[in-house]
Amino acid sequence: MTEFLTEPEVAKLLRCSTSKVKRLRLAGKLSYAGGRPVLISSADLKTYLDGIKVHALPADGADPAVSAAASAEAAENAKAAFEKYKARAALKAGRKR
């Protein structure tokens, strides 16, 4: 049998306000059973918590393959942003690209 919790019980477990729990529900981030009182299953709460969990990097640092891919993507994003900046600056100065 699934255990159900009320909004105040969930708020106490998450150490937040009941209005925060309500915002999570209404934003679709936390599933619930409507009614009076609103009930949230412990399984849905666990799913929400697993979804927001931040995983720590290994003690010796990040995976080099992931770091290289992230660095390459960041470089491409920076290059594209700089090109947009140059184009805007040229338009402001009244010059054509």
PDB file of N, CA and C in Angstrom:
ATOM      1  N   MET A   1       0.843  -1.192   0.000  1.00  0.00           N
ATOM      2  CA  MET A   1       0.000   0.000   0.000  1.00  0.00           C
ATOM      3  C   MET A   1       0.882   1.247   0.000  1.00  0.00           C
ATOM      4  N   THR A   2       0.537   2.203  -0.835  1.00  0.00           N
ATOM      5  CA  THR A   2       1.294   3.437  -0.941  1.00  0.00           C
ATOM      6  C   THR A   2       0.958   4.369   0.208  1.00  0.00           C
ATOM      7  N   GLU A   3       1.989   4.976   0.768  1.00  0.00           N
ATOM      8  CA  GLU A   3       1.789   5.936   1.852  1.00  0.00           C
ATOM      9  C   GLU A   3       1.573   7.316   1.245  1.00  0.00           C
ATOM     10  N   PHE A   4       0.574   8.028   1.730  1.00  0.00           N
ATOM     11  CA  PHE A   4       0.292   9.376   1.257  1.00  0.00           C
ATOM     12  C   PHE A   4       0.619  10.387   2.331  1.00  0.00           C
ATOM     13  N   LEU A   5       1.095  11.547   1.900  1.00  0.00           N
ATOM     14  CA  LEU A   5       1.462  12.633   2.800  1.00  0.00           C
ATOM     15  C   LEU A   5       0.674  13.885   2.437  1.00  0.00           C
ATOM     16  N   THR A   6       0.402  14.718   3.425  1.00  0.00           N
ATOM     17  CA  THR A   6      -0.261  15.994   3.174  1.00  0.00           C
ATOM     18  C   THR A   6       0.791  17.038   2.811  1.00  0.00           C
ATOM     19  N   GLU A   7       0.349  18.178   2.308  1.00  0.00           N
ATOM     20  CA  GLU A   7       1.290  19.247   1.963  1.00  0.00           C
ATOM     21  C   GLU A   7       2.144  19.681   3.159  1.00  0.00           C
ATOM     22  N   PRO A   8       1.570  19.888   4.339  1.00  0.00           N
ATOM     23  CA  PRO A   8       2.412  20.271   5.473  1.00  0.00           C
ATOM     24  C   PRO A   8       3.454  19.200   5.835  1.00  0.00           C
ATOM     25  N   GLU A   9       3.096  17.927   5.691  1.00  0.00           N
ATOM     26  CA  GLU A   9       4.055  16.855   5.974  1.00  0.00           C
ATOM     27  C   GLU A   9       5.202  16.864   4.963  1.00  0.00           C
ATOM     28  N   VAL A  10       4.861  17.073   3.698  1.00  0.00           N
ATOM     29  CA  VAL A  10       5.890  17.144   2.660  1.00  0.00           C
ATOM     30  C   VAL A  10       6.778  18.367   2.883  1.00  0.00           C
ATOM     31  N   ALA A  11       6.158  19.492   3.233  1.00  0.00           N
ATOM     32  CA  ALA A  11       6.923  20.714   3.502  1.00  0.00           C
ATOM     33  C   ALA A  11       7.903  20.497   4.654  1.00  0.00           C
ATOM     34  N   LYS A  12       7.464  19.789   5.666  1.00  0.00           N
ATOM     35  CA  LYS A  12       8.345  19.517   6.803  1.00  0.00           C
ATOM     36  C   LYS A  12       9.515  18.632   6.374  1.00  0.00           C
ATOM     37  N   LEU A  13       9.242  17.622   5.546  1.00  0.00           N
ATOM     38  CA  LEU A  13      10.309  16.739   5.073  1.00  0.00           C
ATOM     39  C   LEU A  13      11.305  17.480   4.177  1.00  0.00           C
ATOM     40  N   LEU A  14      10.789  18.382   3.342  1.00  0.00           N
ATOM     41  CA  LEU A  14      11.650  19.138   2.437  1.00  0.00           C
ATOM     42  C   LEU A  14      12.259  20.372   3.102  1.00  0.00           C
ATOM     43  N   ARG A  15      11.807  20.661   4.305  1.00  0.00           N
ATOM     44  CA  ARG A  15      12.248  21.848   5.047  1.00  0.00           C
ATOM     45  C   ARG A  15      11.994  23.120   4.245  1.00  0.00           C
ATOM     46  N   CYS A  16      10.748  23.234   3.795  1.00  0.00           N
ATOM     47  CA  CYS A  16      10.321  24.418   3.052  1.00  0.00           C
ATOM     48  C   CYS A  16       8.902  24.766   3.482  1.00  0.00           C
ATOM     49  N   SER A  17       8.336  25.778   2.867  1.00  0.00           N
ATOM     50  CA  SER A  17       6.975  26.194   3.217  1.00  0.00           C
ATOM     51  C   SER A  17       5.946  25.373   2.443  1.00  0.00           C
ATOM     52  N   THR A  18       4.721  25.399   2.933  1.00  0.00           N
ATOM     53  CA  THR A  18       3.644  24.706   2.222  1.00  0.00           C
ATOM     54  C   THR A  18       3.347  25.387   0.892  1.00  0.00           C
ATOM     55  N   SER A  19       3.567  26.708   0.823  1.00  0.00           N
ATOM     56  CA  SER A  19       3.347  27.402  -0.450  1.00  0.00           C
ATOM     57  C   SER A  19       4.367  26.965  -1.497  1.00  0.00           C
ATOM     58  N   LYS A  20       5.583  26.628  -1.082  1.00  0.00           N
ATOM     59  CA  LYS A  20       6.583  26.097  -2.008  1.00  0.00           C
ATOM     60  C   LYS A  20       6.124  24.745  -2.557  1.00  0.00           C
ATOM     61  N   VAL A  21       5.570  23.900  -1.693  1.00  0.00           N
ATOM     62  CA  VAL A  21       5.056  22.595  -2.122  1.00  0.00           C
ATOM     63  C   VAL A  21       3.915  22.812  -3.121  1.00  0.00           C
ATOM     64  N   LYS A  22       3.066  23.783  -2.837  1.00  0.00           N
ATOM     65  CA  LYS A  22       1.954  24.084  -3.741  1.00  0.00           C
ATOM     66  C   LYS A  22       2.473  24.555  -5.098  1.00  0.00           C
ATOM     67  N   ARG A  23       3.500  25.420  -5.107  1.00  0.00           N
ATOM     68  CA  ARG A  23       4.084  25.880  -6.368  1.00  0.00           C
ATOM     69  C   ARG A  23       4.680  24.714  -7.152  1.00  0.00           C
ATOM     70  N   LEU A  24       5.326  23.785  -6.456  1.00  0.00           N
ATOM     71  CA  LEU A  24       5.887  22.605  -7.128  1.00  0.00           C
ATOM     72  C   LEU A  24       4.777  21.777  -7.773  1.00  0.00           C
ATOM     73  N   ARG A  25       3.670  21.617  -7.053  1.00  0.00           N
ATOM     74  CA  ARG A  25       2.536  20.852  -7.588  1.00  0.00           C
ATOM     75  C   ARG A  25       1.964  21.520  -8.826  1.00  0.00           C
ATOM     76  N   LEU A  26       1.684  22.824  -8.706  1.00  0.00           N
ATOM     77  CA  LEU A  26       1.031  23.545  -9.791  1.00  0.00           C
ATOM     78  C   LEU A  26       1.933  23.702 -11.012  1.00  0.00           C
ATOM     79  N   ALA A  27       3.257  23.642 -10.805  1.00  0.00           N
ATOM     80  CA  ALA A  27       4.197  23.717 -11.920  1.00  0.00           C
ATOM     81  C   ALA A  27       4.378  22.357 -12.592  1.00  0.00           C
ATOM     82  N   GLY A  28       3.773  21.325 -12.008  1.00  0.00           N
ATOM     83  CA  GLY A  28       3.882  19.990 -12.590  1.00  0.00           C
ATOM     84  C   GLY A  28       5.148  19.258 -12.215  1.00  0.00           C
ATOM     85  N   LYS A  29       5.871  19.764 -11.233  1.00  0.00           N
ATOM     86  CA  LYS A  29       7.123  19.127 -10.826  1.00  0.00           C
ATOM     87  C   LYS A  29       6.913  18.057  -9.775  1.00  0.00           C
ATOM     88  N   LEU A  30       5.783  18.111  -9.079  1.00  0.00           N
ATOM     89  CA  LEU A  30       5.482  17.160  -8.010  1.00  0.00           C
ATOM     90  C   LEU A  30       4.066  16.641  -8.215  1.00  0.00           C
ATOM     91  N   SER A  31       3.949  15.357  -8.471  1.00  0.00           N
ATOM     92  CA  SER A  31       2.628  14.761  -8.713  1.00  0.00           C
ATOM     93  C   SER A  31       1.840  14.681  -7.408  1.00  0.00           C
ATOM     94  N   TYR A  32       0.519  14.708  -7.532  1.00  0.00           N
ATOM     95  CA  TYR A  32      -0.332  14.686  -6.350  1.00  0.00           C
ATOM     96  C   TYR A  32      -1.712  14.153  -6.690  1.00  0.00           C
ATOM     97  N   ALA A  33      -2.435  13.801  -5.652  1.00  0.00           N
ATOM     98  CA  ALA A  33      -3.832  13.394  -5.786  1.00  0.00           C
ATOM     99  C   ALA A  33      -4.668  14.563  -5.275  1.00  0.00           C
ATOM    100  N   GLY A  34      -5.487  15.121  -6.152  1.00  0.00           N
ATOM    101  CA  GLY A  34      -6.290  16.280  -5.780  1.00  0.00           C
ATOM    102  C   GLY A  34      -7.358  15.921  -4.771  1.00  0.00           C
ATOM    103  N   GLY A  35      -7.904  16.895  -4.159  1.00  0.00           N
ATOM    104  CA  GLY A  35      -8.939  16.701  -3.169  1.00  0.00           C
ATOM    105  C   GLY A  35      -8.655  17.531  -1.944  1.00  0.00           C
ATOM    106  N   ARG A  36      -9.378  17.249  -0.900  1.00  0.00           N
ATOM    107  CA  ARG A  36      -9.180  17.940   0.377  1.00  0.00           C
ATOM    108  C   ARG A  36      -8.933  16.936   1.439  1.00  0.00           C
ATOM    109  N   PRO A  37      -7.799  16.819   1.991  1.00  0.00           N
ATOM    110  CA  PRO A  37      -6.579  17.566   1.678  1.00  0.00           C
ATOM    111  C   PRO A  37      -5.878  16.996   0.455  1.00  0.00           C
ATOM    112  N   VAL A  38      -5.021  17.813  -0.150  1.00  0.00           N
ATOM    113  CA  VAL A  38      -4.198  17.346  -1.272  1.00  0.00           C
ATOM    114  C   VAL A  38      -3.238  16.312  -0.719  1.00  0.00           C
ATOM    115  N   LEU A  39      -3.124  15.179  -1.415  1.00  0.00           N
ATOM    116  CA  LEU A  39      -2.235  14.115  -0.958  1.00  0.00           C
ATOM    117  C   LEU A  39      -1.131  13.867  -1.970  1.00  0.00           C
ATOM    118  N   ILE A  40       0.060  13.609  -1.458  1.00  0.00           N
ATOM    119  CA  ILE A  40       1.233  13.344  -2.284  1.00  0.00           C
ATOM    120  C   ILE A  40       1.782  11.996  -1.858  1.00  0.00           C
ATOM    121  N   SER A  41       1.926  11.087  -2.809  1.00  0.00           N
ATOM    122  CA  SER A  41       2.424   9.758  -2.445  1.00  0.00           C
ATOM    123  C   SER A  41       3.919   9.838  -2.154  1.00  0.00           C
ATOM    124  N   SER A  42       4.371   8.975  -1.279  1.00  0.00           N
ATOM    125  CA  SER A  42       5.792   8.944  -0.933  1.00  0.00           C
ATOM    126  C   SER A  42       6.624   8.564  -2.153  1.00  0.00           C
ATOM    127  N   ALA A  43       6.062   7.751  -3.061  1.00  0.00           N
ATOM    128  CA  ALA A  43       6.778   7.374  -4.279  1.00  0.00           C
ATOM    129  C   ALA A  43       6.968   8.587  -5.187  1.00  0.00           C
ATOM    130  N   ASP A  44       5.930   9.442  -5.299  1.00  0.00           N
ATOM    131  CA  ASP A  44       6.047  10.643  -6.111  1.00  0.00           C
ATOM    132  C   ASP A  44       7.049  11.630  -5.506  1.00  0.00           C
ATOM    133  N   LEU A  45       7.070  11.712  -4.193  1.00  0.00           N
ATOM    134  CA  LEU A  45       8.032  12.572  -3.525  1.00  0.00           C
ATOM    135  C   LEU A  45       9.450  12.080  -3.798  1.00  0.00           C
ATOM    136  N   LYS A  46       9.661  10.772  -3.739  1.00  0.00           N
ATOM    137  CA  LYS A  46      10.984  10.192  -4.013  1.00  0.00           C
ATOM    138  C   LYS A  46      11.388  10.458  -5.460  1.00  0.00           C
ATOM    139  N   THR A  47      10.451  10.338  -6.402  1.00  0.00           N
ATOM    140  CA  THR A  47      10.733  10.614  -7.808  1.00  0.00           C
ATOM    141  C   THR A  47      11.163  12.061  -7.989  1.00  0.00           C
ATOM    142  N   TYR A  48      10.457  12.984  -7.333  1.00  0.00           N
ATOM    143  CA  TYR A  48      10.813  14.401  -7.413  1.00  0.00           C
ATOM    144  C   TYR A  48      12.220  14.625  -6.867  1.00  0.00           C
ATOM    145  N   LEU A  49      12.508  14.052  -5.701  1.00  0.00           N
ATOM    146  CA  LEU A  49      13.817  14.233  -5.086  1.00  0.00           C
ATOM    147  C   LEU A  49      14.936  13.641  -5.939  1.00  0.00           C
ATOM    148  N   ASP A  50      14.694  12.494  -6.547  1.00  0.00           N
ATOM    149  CA  ASP A  50      15.697  11.892  -7.426  1.00  0.00           C
ATOM    150  C   ASP A  50      15.952  12.776  -8.648  1.00  0.00           C
ATOM    151  N   GLY A  51      14.916  13.471  -9.100  1.00  0.00           N
ATOM    152  CA  GLY A  51      15.050  14.333 -10.270  1.00  0.00           C
ATOM    153  C   GLY A  51      15.823  15.610 -10.009  1.00  0.00           C
ATOM    154  N   ILE A  52      15.824  16.094  -8.775  1.00  0.00           N
ATOM    155  CA  ILE A  52      16.520  17.346  -8.485  1.00  0.00           C
ATOM    156  C   ILE A  52      17.886  17.113  -7.858  1.00  0.00           C
ATOM    157  N   LYS A  53      18.215  15.874  -7.621  1.00  0.00           N
ATOM    158  CA  LYS A  53      19.473  15.546  -6.962  1.00  0.00           C
ATOM    159  C   LYS A  53      20.653  15.919  -7.851  1.00  0.00           C
ATOM    160  N   VAL A  54      21.657  16.530  -7.235  1.00  0.00           N
ATOM    161  CA  VAL A  54      22.887  16.881  -7.926  1.00  0.00           C
ATOM    162  C   VAL A  54      23.923  15.832  -7.557  1.00  0.00           C
ATOM    163  N   HIS A  55      24.514  15.234  -8.572  1.00  0.00           N
ATOM    164  CA  HIS A  55      25.493  14.176  -8.328  1.00  0.00           C
ATOM    165  C   HIS A  55      26.894  14.777  -8.248  1.00  0.00           C
ATOM    166  N   ALA A  56      27.630  14.380  -7.235  1.00  0.00           N
ATOM    167  CA  ALA A  56      28.976  14.893  -7.017  1.00  0.00           C
ATOM    168  C   ALA A  56      29.950  14.276  -8.010  1.00  0.00           C
ATOM    169  N   LEU A  57      30.994  15.024  -8.314  1.00  0.00           N
ATOM    170  CA  LEU A  57      32.055  14.520  -9.172  1.00  0.00           C
ATOM    171  C   LEU A  57      32.945  13.580  -8.366  1.00  0.00           C
ATOM    172  N   PRO A  58      33.659  12.692  -9.033  1.00  0.00           N
ATOM    173  CA  PRO A  58      34.595  11.836  -8.320  1.00  0.00           C
ATOM    174  C   PRO A  58      35.660  12.680  -7.622  1.00  0.00           C
ATOM    175  N   ALA A  59      36.249  12.151  -6.573  1.00  0.00           N
ATOM    176  CA  ALA A  59      37.228  12.892  -5.783  1.00  0.00           C
ATOM    177  C   ALA A  59      38.433  13.316  -6.608  1.00  0.00           C
ATOM    178  N   ASP A  60      38.809  12.539  -7.616  1.00  0.00           N
ATOM    179  CA  ASP A  60      39.990  12.868  -8.419  1.00  0.00           C
ATOM    180  C   ASP A  60      39.683  13.832  -9.559  1.00  0.00           C
ATOM    181  N   GLY A  61      38.473  14.311  -9.679  1.00  0.00           N
ATOM    182  CA  GLY A  61      38.120  15.273 -10.716  1.00  0.00           C
ATOM    183  C   GLY A  61      37.107  14.701 -11.676  1.00  0.00           C
ATOM    184  N   ALA A  62      36.788  15.495 -12.676  1.00  0.00           N
ATOM    185  CA  ALA A  62      35.757  15.118 -13.639  1.00  0.00           C
ATOM    186  C   ALA A  62      36.298  14.138 -14.668  1.00  0.00           C
ATOM    187  N   ASP A  63      35.403  13.470 -15.327  1.00  0.00           N
ATOM    188  CA  ASP A  63      35.739  12.558 -16.416  1.00  0.00           C
ATOM    189  C   ASP A  63      36.311  13.381 -17.564  1.00  0.00           C
ATOM    190  N   PRO A  64      37.531  13.089 -18.018  1.00  0.00           N
ATOM    191  CA  PRO A  64      38.160  13.909 -19.062  1.00  0.00           C
ATOM    192  C   PRO A  64      37.358  13.973 -20.355  1.00  0.00           C
ATOM    193  N   ALA A  65      36.714  12.882 -20.740  1.00  0.00           N
ATOM    194  CA  ALA A  65      35.945  12.892 -21.988  1.00  0.00           C
ATOM    195  C   ALA A  65      34.775  13.862 -21.887  1.00  0.00           C
ATOM    196  N   VAL A  66      34.106  13.854 -20.746  1.00  0.00           N
ATOM    197  CA  VAL A  66      32.975  14.758 -20.550  1.00  0.00           C
ATOM    198  C   VAL A  66      33.465  16.197 -20.485  1.00  0.00           C
ATOM    199  N   SER A  67      34.580  16.426 -19.791  1.00  0.00           N
ATOM    200  CA  SER A  67      35.127  17.779 -19.676  1.00  0.00           C
ATOM    201  C   SER A  67      35.540  18.329 -21.029  1.00  0.00           C
ATOM    202  N   ALA A  68      36.152  17.499 -21.873  1.00  0.00           N
ATOM    203  CA  ALA A  68      36.577  17.949 -23.191  1.00  0.00           C
ATOM    204  C   ALA A  68      35.364  18.311 -24.048  1.00  0.00           C
ATOM    205  N   ALA A  69      34.332  17.493 -23.998  1.00  0.00           N
ATOM    206  CA  ALA A  69      33.130  17.772 -24.779  1.00  0.00           C
ATOM    207  C   ALA A  69      32.461  19.056 -24.286  1.00  0.00           C
ATOM    208  N   ALA A  70      32.406  19.224 -22.976  1.00  0.00           N
ATOM    209  CA  ALA A  70      31.788  20.428 -22.412  1.00  0.00           C
ATOM    210  C   ALA A  70      32.601  21.665 -22.776  1.00  0.00           C
ATOM    211  N   SER A  71      33.925  21.549 -22.765  1.00  0.00           N
ATOM    212  CA  SER A  71      34.781  22.680 -23.123  1.00  0.00           C
ATOM    213  C   SER A  71      34.602  23.051 -24.580  1.00  0.00           C
ATOM    214  N   ALA A  72      34.523  22.060 -25.452  1.00  0.00           N
ATOM    215  CA  ALA A  72      34.334  22.332 -26.874  1.00  0.00           C
ATOM    216  C   ALA A  72      32.995  23.014 -27.127  1.00  0.00           C
ATOM    217  N   GLU A  73      31.963  22.530 -26.452  1.00  0.00           N
ATOM    218  CA  GLU A  73      30.640  23.148 -26.614  1.00  0.00           C
ATOM    219  C   GLU A  73      30.643  24.581 -26.092  1.00  0.00           C
ATOM    220  N   ALA A  74      31.296  24.813 -24.963  1.00  0.00           N
ATOM    221  CA  ALA A  74      31.371  26.159 -24.404  1.00  0.00           C
ATOM    222  C   ALA A  74      32.121  27.093 -25.351  1.00  0.00           C
ATOM    223  N   ALA A  75      33.189  26.585 -25.977  1.00  0.00           N
ATOM    224  CA  ALA A  75      33.950  27.406 -26.919  1.00  0.00           C
ATOM    225  C   ALA A  75      33.095  27.778 -28.125  1.00  0.00           C
ATOM    226  N   GLU A  76      32.320  26.832 -28.649  1.00  0.00           N
ATOM    227  CA  GLU A  76      31.440  27.114 -29.781  1.00  0.00           C
ATOM    228  C   GLU A  76      30.379  28.141 -29.407  1.00  0.00           C
ATOM    229  N   ASN A  77      29.811  28.005 -28.213  1.00  0.00           N
ATOM    230  CA  ASN A  77      28.798  28.964 -27.757  1.00  0.00           C
ATOM    231  C   ASN A  77      29.387  30.356 -27.616  1.00  0.00           C
ATOM    232  N   ALA A  78      30.611  30.434 -27.085  1.00  0.00           N
ATOM    233  CA  ALA A  78      31.266  31.724 -26.915  1.00  0.00           C
ATOM    234  C   ALA A  78      31.562  32.356 -28.263  1.00  0.00           C
ATOM    235  N   LYS A  79      32.013  31.535 -29.231  1.00  0.00           N
ATOM    236  CA  LYS A  79      32.318  32.040 -30.570  1.00  0.00           C
ATOM    237  C   LYS A  79      31.057  32.596 -31.228  1.00  0.00           C
ATOM    238  N   ALA A  80      29.948  31.869 -31.105  1.00  0.00           N
ATOM    239  CA  ALA A  80      28.688  32.326 -31.699  1.00  0.00           C
ATOM    240  C   ALA A  80      28.206  33.620 -31.040  1.00  0.00           C
ATOM    241  N   ALA A  81      28.345  33.709 -29.724  1.00  0.00           N
ATOM    242  CA  ALA A  81      27.929  34.917 -29.013  1.00  0.00           C
ATOM    243  C   ALA A  81      28.775  36.110 -29.434  1.00  0.00           C
ATOM    244  N   PHE A  82      30.072  35.893 -29.634  1.00  0.00           N
ATOM    245  CA  PHE A  82      30.954  36.979 -30.047  1.00  0.00           C
ATOM    246  C   PHE A  82      30.610  37.458 -31.456  1.00  0.00           C
ATOM    247  N   GLU A  83      30.275  36.523 -32.337  1.00  0.00           N
ATOM    248  CA  GLU A  83      29.883  36.905 -33.696  1.00  0.00           C
ATOM    249  C   GLU A  83      28.611  37.755 -33.676  1.00  0.00           C
ATOM    250  N   LYS A  84      27.660  37.388 -32.837  1.00  0.00           N
ATOM    251  CA  LYS A  84      26.436  38.189 -32.709  1.00  0.00           C
ATOM    252  C   LYS A  84      26.759  39.583 -32.179  1.00  0.00           C
ATOM    253  N   TYR A  85      27.679  39.653 -31.214  1.00  0.00           N
ATOM    254  CA  TYR A  85      28.082  40.927 -30.634  1.00  0.00           C
ATOM    255  C   TYR A  85      28.716  41.818 -31.706  1.00  0.00           C
ATOM    256  N   LYS A  86      29.613  41.241 -32.507  1.00  0.00           N
ATOM    257  CA  LYS A  86      30.266  42.020 -33.562  1.00  0.00           C
ATOM    258  C   LYS A  86      29.254  42.524 -34.579  1.00  0.00           C
ATOM    259  N   ALA A  87      28.276  41.672 -34.926  1.00  0.00           N
ATOM    260  CA  ALA A  87      27.266  42.080 -35.896  1.00  0.00           C
ATOM    261  C   ALA A  87      26.431  43.238 -35.349  1.00  0.00           C
ATOM    262  N   ARG A  88      26.044  43.168 -34.081  1.00  0.00           N
ATOM    263  CA  ARG A  88      25.265  44.247 -33.472  1.00  0.00           C
ATOM    264  C   ARG A  88      26.075  45.535 -33.401  1.00  0.00           C
ATOM    265  N   ALA A  89      27.354  45.410 -33.059  1.00  0.00           N
ATOM    266  CA  ALA A  89      28.210  46.589 -32.969  1.00  0.00           C
ATOM    267  C   ALA A  89      28.352  47.242 -34.341  1.00  0.00           C
ATOM    268  N   ALA A  90      28.464  46.425 -35.372  1.00  0.00           N
ATOM    269  CA  ALA A  90      28.598  46.965 -36.737  1.00  0.00           C
ATOM    270  C   ALA A  90      27.319  47.683 -37.143  1.00  0.00           C
ATOM    271  N   LEU A  91      26.156  47.129 -36.809  1.00  0.00           N
ATOM    272  CA  LEU A  91      24.892  47.782 -37.126  1.00  0.00           C
ATOM    273  C   LEU A  91      24.743  49.100 -36.387  1.00  0.00           C
ATOM    274  N   LYS A  92      25.159  49.123 -35.137  1.00  0.00           N
ATOM    275  CA  LYS A  92      25.076  50.363 -34.358  1.00  0.00           C
ATOM    276  C   LYS A  92      25.961  51.441 -34.956  1.00  0.00           C
ATOM    277  N   ALA A  93      27.107  51.033 -35.440  1.00  0.00           N
ATOM    278  CA  ALA A  93      28.064  52.002 -36.012  1.00  0.00           C
ATOM    279  C   ALA A  93      27.655  52.449 -37.411  1.00  0.00           C
ATOM    280  N   GLY A  94      26.611  51.835 -37.960  1.00  0.00           N
ATOM    281  CA  GLY A  94      26.132  52.230 -39.269  1.00  0.00           C
ATOM    282  C   GLY A  94      26.876  51.545 -40.401  1.00  0.00           C
ATOM    283  N   ARG A  95      27.663  50.562 -40.072  1.00  0.00           N
ATOM    284  CA  ARG A  95      28.389  49.828 -41.101  1.00  0.00           C
ATOM    285  C   ARG A  95      27.630  48.583 -41.452  1.00  0.00           C
ATOM    286  N   LYS A  96      27.882  48.081 -42.636  1.00  0.00           N
ATOM    287  CA  LYS A  96      27.296  46.806 -43.044  1.00  0.00           C
ATOM    288  C   LYS A  96      28.223  45.696 -42.619  1.00  0.00           C
ATOM    289  N   ARG A  97      27.651  44.524 -42.443  1.00  0.00           N
ATOM    290  CA  ARG A  97      28.440  43.344 -42.048  1.00  0.00           C
ATOM    291  C   ARG A  97      29.433  42.976 -43.062  1.00  0.00           C
TER     292      ARG A  97
END
